[in-house]
Amino acid sequence: MPKNLPTNKSPGPPGFTGKFYQTFTEKLTPILLELFKKITERRTLPNSFYEASISRLPKPKISHKKENYRVIPLMNTDAKTLNKALETESNSTLKGLTPSSGIYPKECKDFQDT
């Protein structure tokens, strides 16, 4: 489980914060690993991963007209955890790759020429 989940962010559905996940890492890790294995096997995400709570926050120091609000989607923390794990894995896998390594498809000639 990523140790750098933000603890000061608002939770999305179902309402568990990063602090909750950090506090109960030992108990949650096997549960999340099983969930992520099932996602890999079934090649589909649970419906809750597609849900978000939408909040409107006023921009700082600006009047409270509707155009001065920003919309913030609050995602499910399980989905954030999976995204972070995939990002970390992808970054470590892609770290040594360069355009000259020849792994780019022919359609990506722009990348190969740089």
Protein backbone atom coordinates (compact mmCIF):
# COMPACT_ATOMS: atom_id res chain seq x y z
CA MET A 1 0.00 0.00 0.00
CA PRO A 2 1.47 3.38 -0.92
CA LYS A 3 2.81 5.11 2.16
CA ASN A 4 2.41 8.52 0.59
CA LEU A 5 -1.39 8.58 0.39
CA PRO A 6 -2.34 12.11 1.39
CA THR A 7 -3.85 12.19 4.87
CA ASN A 8 -5.21 15.73 4.64
CA LYS A 9 -7.46 15.22 1.59
CA SER A 10 -11.22 14.79 1.60
CA PRO A 11 -12.30 11.21 1.05
CA GLY A 12 -14.36 10.10 -1.89
CA PRO A 13 -16.91 7.33 -1.69
CA PRO A 14 -17.22 5.35 0.61
CA GLY A 15 -15.66 7.96 2.93
CA PHE A 16 -12.38 6.43 4.15
CA THR A 17 -9.45 8.85 4.28
CA GLY A 18 -5.77 8.29 3.52
CA LYS A 19 -5.19 8.46 7.28
CA PHE A 20 -7.56 5.50 7.76
CA TYR A 21 -5.62 3.47 5.19
CA GLN A 22 -2.29 4.36 6.80
CA THR A 23 -3.55 3.56 10.29
CA PHE A 24 -4.90 0.14 9.29
CA THR A 25 -2.30 -0.78 6.65
CA GLU A 26 -1.60 -4.21 8.18
CA LYS A 27 -5.23 -5.26 8.09
CA LEU A 28 -6.11 -3.61 4.77
CA THR A 29 -3.13 -4.73 2.67
CA PRO A 30 -4.21 -8.40 2.29
CA ILE A 31 -7.77 -7.30 1.48
CA LEU A 32 -6.62 -4.82 -1.16
CA LEU A 33 -4.16 -7.31 -2.65
CA GLU A 34 -6.99 -9.81 -3.07
CA LEU A 35 -9.15 -7.11 -4.66
CA PHE A 36 -6.36 -6.12 -7.05
CA LYS A 37 -5.76 -9.79 -7.99
CA LYS A 38 -9.44 -10.19 -8.85
CA ILE A 39 -9.32 -6.99 -10.91
CA THR A 40 -6.35 -8.42 -12.82
CA GLU A 41 -8.01 -11.82 -13.33
CA ARG A 42 -11.37 -10.42 -14.42
CA ARG A 43 -9.84 -7.49 -16.31
CA THR A 44 -12.56 -5.19 -15.04
CA LEU A 45 -12.87 -2.66 -12.24
CA PRO A 46 -15.58 -2.64 -9.58
CA ASN A 47 -18.33 -0.08 -10.16
CA SER A 48 -17.16 1.88 -7.12
CA PHE A 49 -13.93 2.71 -8.97
CA TYR A 50 -15.97 4.70 -11.48
CA GLU A 51 -17.77 6.72 -8.81
CA ALA A 52 -16.75 10.08 -7.45
CA SER A 53 -18.24 12.65 -5.13
CA ILE A 54 -18.29 16.05 -6.79
CA SER A 55 -17.60 19.10 -4.65
CA ARG A 56 -17.60 22.75 -5.59
CA LEU A 57 -14.93 24.82 -3.88
CA PRO A 58 -14.71 28.61 -4.10
CA LYS A 59 -11.52 29.99 -5.59
CA PRO A 60 -9.55 31.83 -2.90
CA LYS A 61 -10.10 35.58 -2.47
CA ILE A 62 -12.71 35.79 -5.24
CA SER A 63 -16.40 36.60 -4.97
CA HIS A 64 -18.83 33.74 -4.57
CA LYS A 65 -20.33 33.88 -8.06
CA LYS A 66 -20.92 30.48 -9.64
CA GLU A 67 -18.13 31.00 -12.20
CA ASN A 68 -15.63 31.47 -9.37
CA TYR A 69 -15.96 27.91 -8.11
CA ARG A 70 -13.87 24.96 -9.15
CA VAL A 71 -15.28 21.47 -9.36
CA ILE A 72 -13.32 18.78 -7.54
CA PRO A 73 -14.05 15.06 -8.03
CA LEU A 74 -13.29 13.00 -4.93
CA MET A 75 -12.34 9.47 -5.98
CA ASN A 76 -12.62 6.20 -4.11
CA THR A 77 -9.42 5.70 -2.06
CA ASP A 78 -9.14 2.05 -3.19
CA ALA A 79 -8.99 3.33 -6.77
CA LYS A 80 -6.39 5.95 -5.80
CA THR A 81 -4.32 3.21 -4.13
CA LEU A 82 -4.44 1.02 -7.24
CA ASN A 83 -3.60 4.01 -9.47
CA LYS A 84 -0.62 4.91 -7.29
CA ALA A 85 0.65 1.31 -7.26
CA LEU A 86 0.34 1.11 -11.06
CA GLU A 87 2.05 4.47 -11.46
CA THR A 88 4.95 3.39 -9.25
CA GLU A 89 5.31 0.10 -11.13
CA SER A 90 5.11 1.81 -14.53
CA ASN A 91 7.70 4.41 -13.55
CA SER A 92 10.15 1.77 -12.40
CA THR A 93 9.56 -0.32 -15.54
CA LEU A 94 9.84 2.60 -17.96
CA LYS A 95 12.73 4.32 -16.19
CA GLY A 96 15.50 2.90 -18.38
CA LEU A 97 13.67 3.04 -21.69
CA THR A 98 14.72 5.58 -24.29
CA PRO A 99 13.61 6.25 -27.86
CA SER A 100 16.78 4.56 -29.12
CA SER A 101 15.86 1.29 -27.35
CA GLY A 102 13.54 0.49 -30.26
CA ILE A 103 10.47 -0.31 -28.16
CA TYR A 104 8.27 2.35 -29.75
CA PRO A 105 5.77 1.30 -32.41
CA LYS A 106 6.36 2.51 -35.97
CA GLU A 107 3.51 5.03 -35.57
CA CYS A 108 5.63 6.85 -32.98
CA LYS A 109 8.35 7.97 -35.37
CA ASP A 110 8.29 11.46 -33.83
CA PHE A 111 9.52 9.97 -30.57
CA GLN A 112 12.15 7.82 -32.26
CA ASP A 113 13.64 10.79 -34.12
CA THR A 114 14.21 12.91 -31.01
